[in-house]
Amino acid sequence: REAAADQLEIVRGDRAADHTDAFVGLAKVLTADAAAVPGGWRVLHDNAVVLLAEFDEYLVKFAGNTHVMQVVHKHLQNLHLAMFQYYDRKDAGDDAVTDAWRHLDLSRKYKMKTIPTKFDTQGEIMRNQSIMNIFQKGFWPKGMGDPSTVPVFI
């Protein structure tokens, strides 16, 4: 109940929409115990719909500003993930499954936009070489481990 109150206070009081991660937290609370949140899933849904419309406008308004777009994408990721949980857990309407998947796909899409696209090939080569240098023959005491040569993926 305390977590529900905290998340609900953030969702209702965050007029600047700086803490959309609270929607994901609220969805987790609602999944565990919908009765713990006054207004239940409707509170999450109604507030998220309003913010989704605002952030969709920001996509157009700030299209050329890379830094702002990173922030907008992160908020859209959170809001769509919360809406996925709403449709997946709460709404049993005819289109609930379609809506759930649409929001999950959009959340993933916006998450991918926040991940740097430039792969650091040289850095990865150095990390791998460092690991290979550490785990040389003799690193483990003799007789430790399994004698099999089959690789183990963890």
C-alpha atoms as a PDB file:
ATOM      1  CA  ARG A   1       0.000   0.000   0.000  1.00  0.00           C
ATOM      2  CA  GLU A   2       2.881   2.341   0.752  1.00  0.00           C
ATOM      3  CA  ALA A   3       4.446   1.685  -2.657  1.00  0.00           C
ATOM      4  CA  ALA A   4       1.064   2.277  -4.273  1.00  0.00           C
ATOM      5  CA  ALA A   5       0.674   5.606  -2.472  1.00  0.00           C
ATOM      6  CA  ASP A   6       4.185   6.711  -3.478  1.00  0.00           C
ATOM      7  CA  GLN A   7       3.780   5.775  -7.143  1.00  0.00           C
ATOM      8  CA  LEU A   8       0.303   7.304  -7.308  1.00  0.00           C
ATOM      9  CA  GLU A   9       1.520  10.560  -5.768  1.00  0.00           C
ATOM     10  CA  ILE A  10       4.253  10.814  -8.409  1.00  0.00           C
ATOM     11  CA  VAL A  11       1.893   9.966 -11.280  1.00  0.00           C
ATOM     12  CA  ARG A  12      -0.717  12.500 -10.178  1.00  0.00           C
ATOM     13  CA  GLY A  13       1.685  15.226  -9.064  1.00  0.00           C
ATOM     14  CA  ASP A  14       4.315  15.131 -11.799  1.00  0.00           C
ATOM     15  CA  ARG A  15       3.040  18.046 -13.877  1.00  0.00           C
ATOM     16  CA  ALA A  16       6.356  18.416 -15.702  1.00  0.00           C
ATOM     17  CA  ALA A  17       6.221  14.710 -16.707  1.00  0.00           C
ATOM     18  CA  ASP A  18       9.768  14.154 -15.495  1.00  0.00           C
ATOM     19  CA  HIS A  19       9.080  10.814 -13.811  1.00  0.00           C
ATOM     20  CA  THR A  20       7.277   8.583 -16.270  1.00  0.00           C
ATOM     21  CA  ASP A  21       9.118   5.630 -14.740  1.00  0.00           C
ATOM     22  CA  ALA A  22       6.516   5.945 -11.957  1.00  0.00           C
ATOM     23  CA  PHE A  23       3.931   4.665 -14.449  1.00  0.00           C
ATOM     24  CA  VAL A  24       5.915   1.445 -14.825  1.00  0.00           C
ATOM     25  CA  GLY A  25       6.185   1.207 -11.038  1.00  0.00           C
ATOM     26  CA  LEU A  26       2.469   1.852 -10.643  1.00  0.00           C
ATOM     27  CA  ALA A  27       1.708  -0.863 -13.208  1.00  0.00           C
ATOM     28  CA  LYS A  28       3.779  -3.311 -11.146  1.00  0.00           C
ATOM     29  CA  VAL A  29       1.867  -2.379  -8.000  1.00  0.00           C
ATOM     30  CA  LEU A  30      -1.450  -2.725  -9.832  1.00  0.00           C
ATOM     31  CA  THR A  31      -0.422  -6.119 -11.187  1.00  0.00           C
ATOM     32  CA  ALA A  32       0.358  -7.300  -7.669  1.00  0.00           C
ATOM     33  CA  ASP A  33      -2.730  -5.765  -6.020  1.00  0.00           C
ATOM     34  CA  ALA A  34      -5.062  -3.512  -8.013  1.00  0.00           C
ATOM     35  CA  ALA A  35      -7.084  -2.780  -4.877  1.00  0.00           C
ATOM     36  CA  ALA A  36      -4.030  -1.065  -3.345  1.00  0.00           C
ATOM     37  CA  VAL A  37      -4.435   1.863  -5.748  1.00  0.00           C
ATOM     38  CA  PRO A  38      -7.504   4.085  -5.356  1.00  0.00           C
ATOM     39  CA  GLY A  39      -9.021   4.239  -8.827  1.00  0.00           C
ATOM     40  CA  GLY A  40      -7.122   1.125  -9.896  1.00  0.00           C
ATOM     41  CA  TRP A  41      -5.931   0.679 -13.444  1.00  0.00           C
ATOM     42  CA  ARG A  42      -8.103   3.555 -14.685  1.00  0.00           C
ATOM     43  CA  VAL A  43      -5.779   6.063 -12.951  1.00  0.00           C
ATOM     44  CA  LEU A  44      -2.774   4.706 -14.815  1.00  0.00           C
ATOM     45  CA  HIS A  45      -4.619   4.519 -18.135  1.00  0.00           C
ATOM     46  CA  ASP A  46      -6.162   7.994 -18.046  1.00  0.00           C
ATOM     47  CA  ASN A  47      -2.968   9.776 -16.964  1.00  0.00           C
ATOM     48  CA  ALA A  48      -0.812   7.846 -19.459  1.00  0.00           C
ATOM     49  CA  VAL A  49      -3.136   8.665 -22.367  1.00  0.00           C
ATOM     50  CA  VAL A  50      -2.804  12.388 -21.604  1.00  0.00           C
ATOM     51  CA  LEU A  51       0.996  12.218 -21.414  1.00  0.00           C
ATOM     52  CA  LEU A  52       1.298  10.062 -24.531  1.00  0.00           C
ATOM     53  CA  ALA A  53      -0.498  12.776 -26.489  1.00  0.00           C
ATOM     54  CA  GLU A  54       1.842  15.434 -25.069  1.00  0.00           C
ATOM     55  CA  PHE A  55       4.985  13.449 -25.857  1.00  0.00           C
ATOM     56  CA  ASP A  56       3.738  12.654 -29.355  1.00  0.00           C
ATOM     57  CA  GLU A  57       3.549  16.424 -29.903  1.00  0.00           C
ATOM     58  CA  TYR A  58       7.106  16.767 -28.583  1.00  0.00           C
ATOM     59  CA  LEU A  59       8.278  14.302 -31.244  1.00  0.00           C
ATOM     60  CA  VAL A  60       7.307  16.882 -33.854  1.00  0.00           C
ATOM     61  CA  LYS A  61       8.168  20.017 -31.894  1.00  0.00           C
ATOM     62  CA  PHE A  62      11.719  18.950 -30.954  1.00  0.00           C
ATOM     63  CA  ALA A  63      12.529  16.736 -33.951  1.00  0.00           C
ATOM     64  CA  GLY A  64      15.907  18.386 -34.593  1.00  0.00           C
ATOM     65  CA  ASN A  65      17.145  18.402 -31.000  1.00  0.00           C
ATOM     66  CA  THR A  66      18.986  15.138 -30.326  1.00  0.00           C
ATOM     67  CA  HIS A  67      19.241  15.600 -26.558  1.00  0.00           C
ATOM     68  CA  VAL A  68      15.558  16.426 -26.118  1.00  0.00           C
ATOM     69  CA  MET A  69      14.582  13.529 -28.378  1.00  0.00           C
ATOM     70  CA  GLN A  70      16.561  11.105 -26.180  1.00  0.00           C
ATOM     71  CA  VAL A  71      14.541  12.290 -23.173  1.00  0.00           C
ATOM     72  CA  VAL A  72      11.240  12.143 -25.070  1.00  0.00           C
ATOM     73  CA  HIS A  73      12.026   8.624 -26.306  1.00  0.00           C
ATOM     74  CA  LYS A  74      12.755   7.454 -22.750  1.00  0.00           C
ATOM     75  CA  HIS A  75       9.440   8.850 -21.503  1.00  0.00           C
ATOM     76  CA  LEU A  76       7.549   7.295 -24.408  1.00  0.00           C
ATOM     77  CA  GLN A  77       9.251   3.981 -23.683  1.00  0.00           C
ATOM     78  CA  ASN A  78       8.017   4.097 -20.065  1.00  0.00           C
ATOM     79  CA  LEU A  79       4.490   5.191 -20.933  1.00  0.00           C
ATOM     80  CA  HIS A  80       4.034   2.575 -23.657  1.00  0.00           C
ATOM     81  CA  LEU A  81       5.395  -0.122 -21.361  1.00  0.00           C
ATOM     82  CA  ALA A  82       2.867   0.873 -18.686  1.00  0.00           C
ATOM     83  CA  MET A  83       0.091   0.859 -21.288  1.00  0.00           C
ATOM     84  CA  PHE A  84       1.197  -2.602 -22.424  1.00  0.00           C
ATOM     85  CA  GLN A  85       0.797  -3.789 -18.844  1.00  0.00           C
ATOM     86  CA  TYR A  86      -2.638  -2.156 -18.658  1.00  0.00           C
ATOM     87  CA  TYR A  87      -3.919  -3.924 -21.775  1.00  0.00           C
ATOM     88  CA  ASP A  88      -2.156  -7.160 -20.880  1.00  0.00           C
ATOM     89  CA  ARG A  89      -3.469  -7.297 -17.296  1.00  0.00           C
ATOM     90  CA  LYS A  90      -6.612  -5.238 -17.063  1.00  0.00           C
ATOM     91  CA  ASP A  91      -8.461  -4.656 -20.309  1.00  0.00           C
ATOM     92  CA  ALA A  92     -10.246  -7.730 -21.582  1.00  0.00           C
ATOM     93  CA  GLY A  93     -11.826  -6.002 -24.586  1.00  0.00           C
ATOM     94  CA  ASP A  94     -11.809  -7.397 -28.101  1.00  0.00           C
ATOM     95  CA  ASP A  95      -8.738  -5.386 -29.083  1.00  0.00           C
ATOM     96  CA  ALA A  96      -6.836  -5.760 -25.790  1.00  0.00           C
ATOM     97  CA  VAL A  97      -4.280  -8.212 -27.165  1.00  0.00           C
ATOM     98  CA  THR A  98      -3.684  -6.085 -30.256  1.00  0.00           C
ATOM     99  CA  ASP A  99      -3.395  -2.942 -28.121  1.00  0.00           C
ATOM    100  CA  ALA A 100      -1.049  -4.668 -25.677  1.00  0.00           C
ATOM    101  CA  TRP A 101       1.298  -5.799 -28.452  1.00  0.00           C
ATOM    102  CA  ARG A 102       1.166  -2.383 -30.140  1.00  0.00           C
ATOM    103  CA  HIS A 103       2.240  -0.656 -26.926  1.00  0.00           C
ATOM    104  CA  LEU A 104       4.951  -3.237 -26.232  1.00  0.00           C
ATOM    105  CA  ASP A 105       6.283  -2.799 -29.763  1.00  0.00           C
ATOM    106  CA  LEU A 106       6.290   0.986 -29.389  1.00  0.00           C
ATOM    107  CA  SER A 107       8.041   0.733 -26.017  1.00  0.00           C
ATOM    108  CA  ARG A 108      10.741  -1.433 -27.594  1.00  0.00           C
ATOM    109  CA  LYS A 109      11.026   0.951 -30.546  1.00  0.00           C
ATOM    110  CA  TYR A 110      11.589   3.946 -28.263  1.00  0.00           C
ATOM    111  CA  LYS A 111      13.999   1.987 -26.074  1.00  0.00           C
ATOM    112  CA  MET A 112      16.098   1.138 -29.122  1.00  0.00           C
ATOM    113  CA  LYS A 113      16.259   4.847 -29.986  1.00  0.00           C
ATOM    114  CA  THR A 114      17.868   5.577 -26.609  1.00  0.00           C
ATOM    115  CA  ILE A 115      20.664   3.051 -27.107  1.00  0.00           C
ATOM    116  CA  PRO A 116      23.810   4.407 -28.755  1.00  0.00           C
ATOM    117  CA  THR A 117      24.041   3.008 -32.272  1.00  0.00           C
ATOM    118  CA  LYS A 118      27.773   3.319 -32.743  1.00  0.00           C
ATOM    119  CA  PHE A 119      29.408   0.056 -31.741  1.00  0.00           C
ATOM    120  CA  ASP A 120      32.837   0.407 -30.156  1.00  0.00           C
ATOM    121  CA  THR A 121      34.676  -2.325 -32.049  1.00  0.00           C
ATOM    122  CA  GLN A 122      38.124  -1.451 -30.698  1.00  0.00           C
ATOM    123  CA  GLY A 123      36.838  -1.295 -27.117  1.00  0.00           C
ATOM    124  CA  GLU A 124      35.177  -4.695 -27.490  1.00  0.00           C
ATOM    125  CA  ILE A 125      38.396  -6.199 -28.887  1.00  0.00           C
ATOM    126  CA  MET A 126      40.328  -4.804 -25.915  1.00  0.00           C
ATOM    127  CA  ARG A 127      37.770  -6.170 -23.398  1.00  0.00           C
ATOM    128  CA  ASN A 128      37.873  -9.611 -24.987  1.00  0.00           C
ATOM    129  CA  GLN A 129      41.670  -9.622 -25.082  1.00  0.00           C
ATOM    130  CA  SER A 130      41.794  -8.607 -21.425  1.00  0.00           C
ATOM    131  CA  ILE A 131      39.504 -11.497 -20.479  1.00  0.00           C
ATOM    132  CA  MET A 132      41.569 -13.912 -22.551  1.00  0.00           C
ATOM    133  CA  ASN A 133      44.772 -12.667 -20.887  1.00  0.00           C
ATOM    134  CA  ILE A 134      43.328 -13.239 -17.414  1.00  0.00           C
ATOM    135  CA  PHE A 135      41.870 -16.691 -17.968  1.00  0.00           C
ATOM    136  CA  GLN A 136      45.054 -18.437 -19.147  1.00  0.00           C
ATOM    137  CA  LYS A 137      46.051 -21.987 -18.367  1.00  0.00           C
ATOM    138  CA  GLY A 138      47.108 -22.034 -14.741  1.00  0.00           C
ATOM    139  CA  PHE A 139      44.562 -19.416 -13.657  1.00  0.00           C
ATOM    140  CA  TRP A 140      42.553 -22.091 -11.844  1.00  0.00           C
ATOM    141  CA  PRO A 141      44.297 -24.519  -9.467  1.00  0.00           C
ATOM    142  CA  LYS A 142      45.060 -27.935 -10.940  1.00  0.00           C
ATOM    143  CA  GLY A 143      42.162 -30.397 -10.596  1.00  0.00           C
ATOM    144  CA  MET A 144      39.501 -27.716 -10.341  1.00  0.00           C
ATOM    145  CA  GLY A 145      36.496 -27.857 -12.659  1.00  0.00           C
ATOM    146  CA  ASP A 146      35.232 -30.376 -15.166  1.00  0.00           C
ATOM    147  CA  PRO A 147      37.646 -32.093 -17.557  1.00  0.00           C
ATOM    148  CA  SER A 148      35.160 -31.771 -20.460  1.00  0.00           C
ATOM    149  CA  THR A 149      36.168 -29.587 -23.407  1.00  0.00           C
ATOM    150  CA  VAL A 150      32.548 -28.751 -24.222  1.00  0.00           C
ATOM    151  CA  PRO A 151      32.039 -24.985 -23.881  1.00  0.00           C
ATOM    152  CA  VAL A 152      29.771 -23.717 -21.126  1.00  0.00           C
ATOM    153  CA  PHE A 153      27.756 -20.618 -21.894  1.00  0.00           C
ATOM    154  CA  ILE A 154      26.576 -18.611 -18.919  1.00  0.00           C
END
